[in-house]
Protein backbone atom coordinates (compact mmCIF):
# COMPACT_ATOMS: atom_id res chain seq x y z
CA UNK A 1 10.33 42.96 -4.07
CA UNK A 2 12.85 45.25 -5.74
CA UNK A 3 12.82 49.03 -5.42
CA UNK A 4 15.12 52.03 -5.95
CA UNK A 5 15.15 55.74 -5.17
CA UNK A 6 17.62 58.58 -4.65
CA UNK A 7 17.20 62.03 -3.10
CA UNK A 8 19.60 64.99 -2.84
CA UNK A 9 19.93 68.15 -0.77
CA UNK A 10 22.27 70.99 -1.77
CA UNK A 11 22.87 74.34 -0.05
CA UNK A 12 25.80 76.70 0.58
CA UNK A 13 27.22 74.61 3.41
CA UNK A 14 26.71 71.00 2.34
CA UNK A 15 25.55 68.46 -0.21
CA UNK A 16 23.78 65.28 0.95
CA UNK A 17 22.48 62.37 -1.15
CA UNK A 18 20.56 59.30 0.03
CA UNK A 19 20.18 56.17 -2.12
CA UNK A 20 17.81 53.35 -1.15
CA UNK A 21 17.57 50.04 -3.00
CA UNK A 22 16.18 46.61 -2.17
CA UNK A 23 16.15 43.09 -3.58
CA UNK A 24 14.11 40.03 -2.68
CA UNK A 25 14.95 38.28 0.59
CA UNK A 26 13.25 35.78 2.88
CA UNK A 27 13.38 38.23 5.79
CA UNK A 28 13.82 41.97 6.34
CA UNK A 29 17.53 42.83 6.34
CA UNK A 30 18.55 46.51 6.59
CA UNK A 31 22.04 47.86 5.91
CA UNK A 32 23.06 51.51 6.42
CA UNK A 33 26.24 53.17 5.15
CA UNK A 34 28.53 54.81 6.04
CA UNK A 35 29.00 52.98 9.32
CA UNK A 36 29.72 56.13 11.32
CA UNK A 37 26.15 57.46 11.17
CA UNK A 38 24.85 58.45 14.60
CA UNK A 39 22.96 55.78 16.52
CA UNK A 40 19.93 58.05 16.72
CA UNK A 41 19.80 58.46 12.93
CA UNK A 42 20.39 54.74 12.35
CA UNK A 43 17.50 53.82 14.68
CA UNK A 44 15.23 56.38 12.96
CA UNK A 45 15.99 54.84 9.55
CA UNK A 46 15.41 51.28 10.73
CA UNK A 47 12.16 52.08 12.54
CA UNK A 48 10.80 53.92 9.48
CA UNK A 49 11.58 50.96 7.19
CA UNK A 50 10.28 48.30 9.60
CA UNK A 51 6.89 50.02 9.85
CA UNK A 52 6.30 49.62 6.10
CA UNK A 53 8.34 46.57 5.02
CA UNK A 54 8.06 42.88 5.90
CA UNK A 55 10.69 41.33 3.62
CA UNK A 56 13.65 42.31 1.49
CA UNK A 57 17.35 43.15 1.71
CA UNK A 58 17.36 46.96 1.93
CA UNK A 59 20.51 49.03 1.45
CA UNK A 60 20.48 52.70 2.59
CA UNK A 61 23.56 54.66 1.53
CA UNK A 62 24.44 58.30 2.29
CA UNK A 63 27.00 60.41 0.43
CA UNK A 64 27.80 63.92 1.60
CA UNK A 65 30.22 66.83 1.25
CA UNK A 66 30.46 69.94 3.40
CA UNK A 67 32.27 73.27 3.38
CA UNK A 68 34.95 73.23 6.07
CA UNK A 69 34.74 76.09 8.61
CA UNK A 70 37.23 76.16 11.48
CA UNK A 71 37.38 77.95 14.82
CA UNK A 72 40.66 78.79 16.54
CA UNK A 73 41.59 79.23 20.20
CA UNK A 74 44.61 79.64 22.44
CA UNK A 75 44.89 77.66 25.64
CA UNK A 76 45.77 80.48 28.01
CA UNK A 77 46.83 78.22 30.85
CA UNK A 78 49.31 76.35 28.63
CA UNK A 79 50.58 79.66 27.22
CA UNK A 80 51.14 80.97 30.76
CA UNK A 81 53.10 77.83 31.64
CA UNK A 82 55.26 78.33 28.55
CA UNK A 83 55.97 81.96 29.47
CA UNK A 84 56.91 80.95 33.00
CA UNK A 85 59.28 78.32 31.68
CA UNK A 86 60.94 80.77 29.26
CA UNK A 87 61.27 83.33 32.04
CA UNK A 88 62.89 80.79 34.36
CA UNK A 89 65.32 79.78 31.65
CA UNK A 90 65.98 83.43 30.71
CA UNK A 91 65.26 82.67 27.04
CA UNK A 92 64.05 85.76 25.19
CA UNK A 93 61.22 87.99 26.30
CA UNK A 94 58.23 85.85 27.42
CA UNK A 95 55.87 88.77 26.70
CA UNK A 96 56.78 88.91 23.00
CA UNK A 97 55.91 85.35 21.98
CA UNK A 98 54.54 85.20 18.41
CA UNK A 99 52.35 82.63 16.61
CA UNK A 100 55.39 81.19 14.89
CA UNK A 101 56.93 80.61 18.31
CA UNK A 102 54.01 78.70 19.83
CA UNK A 103 52.56 76.83 16.84
CA UNK A 104 54.91 73.89 17.36
CA UNK A 105 54.12 73.57 21.07
CA UNK A 106 51.25 71.09 21.49
CA UNK A 107 48.22 72.12 23.54
CA UNK A 108 48.60 75.90 23.11
CA UNK A 109 47.17 76.70 19.70
CA UNK A 110 43.96 74.78 18.94
CA UNK A 111 41.80 74.51 15.79
CA UNK A 112 38.44 72.78 15.49
CA UNK A 113 36.05 72.11 12.63
CA UNK A 114 32.88 73.82 13.72
CA UNK A 115 30.26 72.95 11.18
CA UNK A 116 28.55 69.56 11.08
CA UNK A 117 25.64 68.66 8.85
CA UNK A 118 22.47 68.84 11.00
CA UNK A 119 20.74 65.53 11.62
CA UNK A 120 17.50 67.11 10.38
CA UNK A 121 19.05 67.39 6.90
CA UNK A 122 19.89 63.66 6.86
CA UNK A 123 16.34 62.79 7.98
CA UNK A 124 14.77 65.04 5.35
CA UNK A 125 16.85 63.55 2.53
CA UNK A 126 16.18 60.01 3.76
CA UNK A 127 12.40 60.54 3.99
CA UNK A 128 12.30 62.00 0.46
CA UNK A 129 14.20 58.98 -0.83
CA UNK A 130 12.00 56.64 1.23
CA UNK A 131 8.75 58.01 -0.28
CA UNK A 132 10.20 57.57 -3.78
CA UNK A 133 11.39 54.09 -2.84
CA UNK A 134 7.93 53.00 -1.65
CA UNK A 135 6.35 54.40 -4.81
CA UNK A 136 8.83 52.49 -6.96
CA UNK A 137 8.08 49.26 -5.07
CA UNK A 138 4.36 49.87 -5.58
CA UNK A 139 4.81 50.30 -9.33
CA UNK A 140 6.92 47.14 -9.44
CA UNK A 141 4.24 45.30 -7.47
CA UNK A 142 1.51 46.36 -9.93
CA UNK A 143 3.60 45.03 -12.82
CA UNK A 144 4.10 41.70 -11.06
CA UNK A 145 0.38 41.50 -10.26
CA UNK A 146 -0.48 41.98 -13.96
CA UNK A 147 1.83 39.07 -14.84
CA UNK A 148 0.15 36.88 -12.20
CA UNK A 149 -3.35 37.86 -13.40
CA UNK A 150 -2.47 37.05 -17.00
CA UNK A 151 -1.10 33.62 -16.09
CA UNK A 152 -4.01 32.82 -13.76
CA UNK A 153 -6.51 33.58 -16.54
CA UNK A 154 -4.58 31.41 -18.98
CA UNK A 155 -4.46 28.50 -16.50
CA UNK A 156 -8.21 28.88 -15.91
CA UNK A 157 -8.84 28.63 -19.65
CA UNK A 158 -6.61 25.57 -19.99
CA UNK A 159 -8.29 23.92 -17.00
CA UNK A 160 -11.78 24.49 -18.38
CA UNK A 161 -10.73 22.97 -21.70
CA UNK A 162 -9.15 19.92 -20.15
CA UNK A 163 -12.17 17.99 -18.84
CA UNK A 164 -11.55 14.26 -18.99
CA UNK A 165 -14.19 11.87 -20.37
CA UNK A 166 -16.96 10.71 -18.02
CA UNK A 167 -16.79 7.34 -16.28
CA UNK A 168 -19.47 5.80 -18.51
CA UNK A 169 -17.64 6.91 -21.62
CA UNK A 170 -14.38 5.49 -20.30
CA UNK A 171 -16.03 2.16 -19.42
CA UNK A 172 -17.56 1.98 -22.89
CA UNK A 173 -14.18 2.68 -24.51
CA UNK A 174 -12.49 -0.01 -22.42
CA UNK A 175 -15.16 -2.61 -23.22
CA UNK A 176 -14.79 -1.75 -26.90
CA UNK A 177 -11.03 -2.32 -26.77
CA UNK A 178 -11.44 -5.60 -24.86
CA UNK A 179 -13.99 -6.76 -27.44
CA UNK A 180 -11.51 -6.20 -30.25
CA UNK A 181 -8.95 -8.43 -28.50
CA UNK A 182 -11.29 -11.43 -28.90
CA UNK A 183 -10.41 -12.97 -25.50
CA UNK A 184 -12.58 -14.52 -22.81
CA UNK A 185 -12.42 -12.62 -19.53
CA UNK A 186 -14.43 -12.83 -16.32
CA UNK A 187 -16.98 -9.93 -16.56
CA UNK A 188 -16.82 -9.20 -12.81
CA UNK A 189 -13.01 -9.15 -12.81
CA UNK A 190 -13.06 -7.02 -15.94
CA UNK A 191 -15.45 -4.48 -14.39
CA UNK A 192 -13.35 -4.37 -11.21
CA UNK A 193 -10.11 -3.71 -13.11
CA UNK A 194 -11.88 -1.15 -15.32
CA UNK A 195 -13.16 0.70 -12.26
CA UNK A 196 -9.64 0.80 -10.75
CA UNK A 197 -8.22 2.06 -14.03
CA UNK A 198 -10.89 4.75 -14.31
CA UNK A 199 -10.20 5.92 -10.73
CA UNK A 200 -6.48 5.99 -11.46
CA UNK A 201 -7.00 8.39 -14.37
CA UNK A 202 -9.76 10.48 -12.76
CA UNK A 203 -8.52 14.07 -12.35
CA UNK A 204 -11.70 15.77 -11.11
CA UNK A 205 -10.21 16.29 -7.65
CA UNK A 206 -7.01 17.81 -9.02
CA UNK A 207 -8.98 20.18 -11.25
CA UNK A 208 -11.10 21.31 -8.29
CA UNK A 209 -7.98 21.98 -6.23
CA UNK A 210 -6.32 23.91 -9.05
CA UNK A 211 -9.40 26.12 -9.38
CA UNK A 212 -9.44 26.61 -5.60
CA UNK A 213 -5.75 27.59 -5.54
CA UNK A 214 -6.22 30.01 -8.44
CA UNK A 215 -9.05 31.68 -6.52
CA UNK A 216 -6.89 31.83 -3.38
CA UNK A 217 -4.07 33.39 -5.39
CA UNK A 218 -6.33 36.10 -6.82
CA UNK A 219 -7.67 36.93 -3.35
CA UNK A 220 -4.17 37.17 -1.91
CA UNK A 221 -2.91 39.37 -4.75
CA UNK A 222 -5.91 41.68 -4.32
CA UNK A 223 -5.34 42.00 -0.57
CA UNK A 224 -3.62 45.13 0.77
CA UNK A 225 -1.75 42.87 3.20
CA UNK A 226 -0.54 40.30 0.66
CA UNK A 227 2.23 38.07 2.02
CA UNK A 228 5.01 36.74 -0.17
CA UNK A 229 5.37 33.53 1.86
CA UNK A 230 1.69 32.69 1.41
CA UNK A 231 1.94 33.31 -2.33
CA UNK A 232 4.98 31.00 -2.44
CA UNK A 233 2.98 28.31 -0.66
CA UNK A 234 0.01 28.60 -3.07
CA UNK A 235 2.38 28.36 -6.04
CA UNK A 236 3.91 25.19 -4.60
CA UNK A 237 0.45 23.66 -4.18
CA UNK A 238 -0.48 24.60 -7.76
CA UNK A 239 2.70 23.00 -9.05
CA UNK A 240 2.03 19.84 -7.03
CA UNK A 241 -1.55 19.46 -8.30
CA UNK A 242 -0.52 20.17 -11.89
CA UNK A 243 2.28 17.59 -11.68
CA UNK A 244 -0.22 15.00 -10.45
CA UNK A 245 -2.56 16.01 -13.26
CA UNK A 246 0.08 15.45 -15.94
CA UNK A 247 0.88 12.00 -14.53
CA UNK A 248 -2.75 10.83 -14.32
CA UNK A 249 -3.88 11.96 -17.74
CA UNK A 250 -3.33 9.35 -20.45
CA UNK A 251 -4.74 11.19 -23.47
CA UNK A 252 -1.92 13.06 -25.27
CA UNK A 253 -3.95 16.20 -25.92
CA UNK A 254 -5.00 16.45 -22.26
CA UNK A 255 -1.48 15.71 -21.06
CA UNK A 256 -0.26 18.60 -23.23
CA UNK A 257 -2.77 20.92 -21.52
CA UNK A 258 -1.41 19.86 -18.13
CA UNK A 259 2.16 20.53 -19.26
CA UNK A 260 1.14 23.97 -20.55
CA UNK A 261 -0.43 24.76 -17.17
């Protein structure tokens, strides 16, 4: 089932956005981006989704910006080594070394980006997007259910209007046609062939199965634990019975009802 949601967090130090979207899939497949998210956060996202979802290809994408704040430090041990070296070489006054003198010597002057976006911010933004995502999937599911209900009712109406003639009526019709041919046939053989022909075109069993499958479909759609694979199976069975129905029926008007189903 498809779904989409996006959530944002903005403050003085950072801006974080989380986008979640899903499309239909046979299994549950989760993708998180960017790839350098912490393992702890990635596991939290996957566990949260797996508790609520059974199927679907789900894409979780983060976008973020942050204000850069740096800290600076001098490696005193390295600076001492440099002063000792300059003293030994009698180059200048080791005590009057300036920043411009040491900035090109690696390992003495150090800078580090201090601020990182707290993991709690990522979780908060994700959960907000996740709640919106589940709501969107629910709305989509209700729309799909309405489509199913409408089609089920229509099939039920077509099925009720497609009753085939009774066996006695069929036998009478066949005898009437044989009589018009003005040929001599063995009555027992004729009755036997007529019975086989009537059985061949009898669709009572198919109609009963179609009604049963429609009822099963409605129950599954009304269940809070509805499974997509089971719905797929019921649809396949409905299609199979309806195909058999369209083949068996010989009356054009009834065959048209089967095709409409």
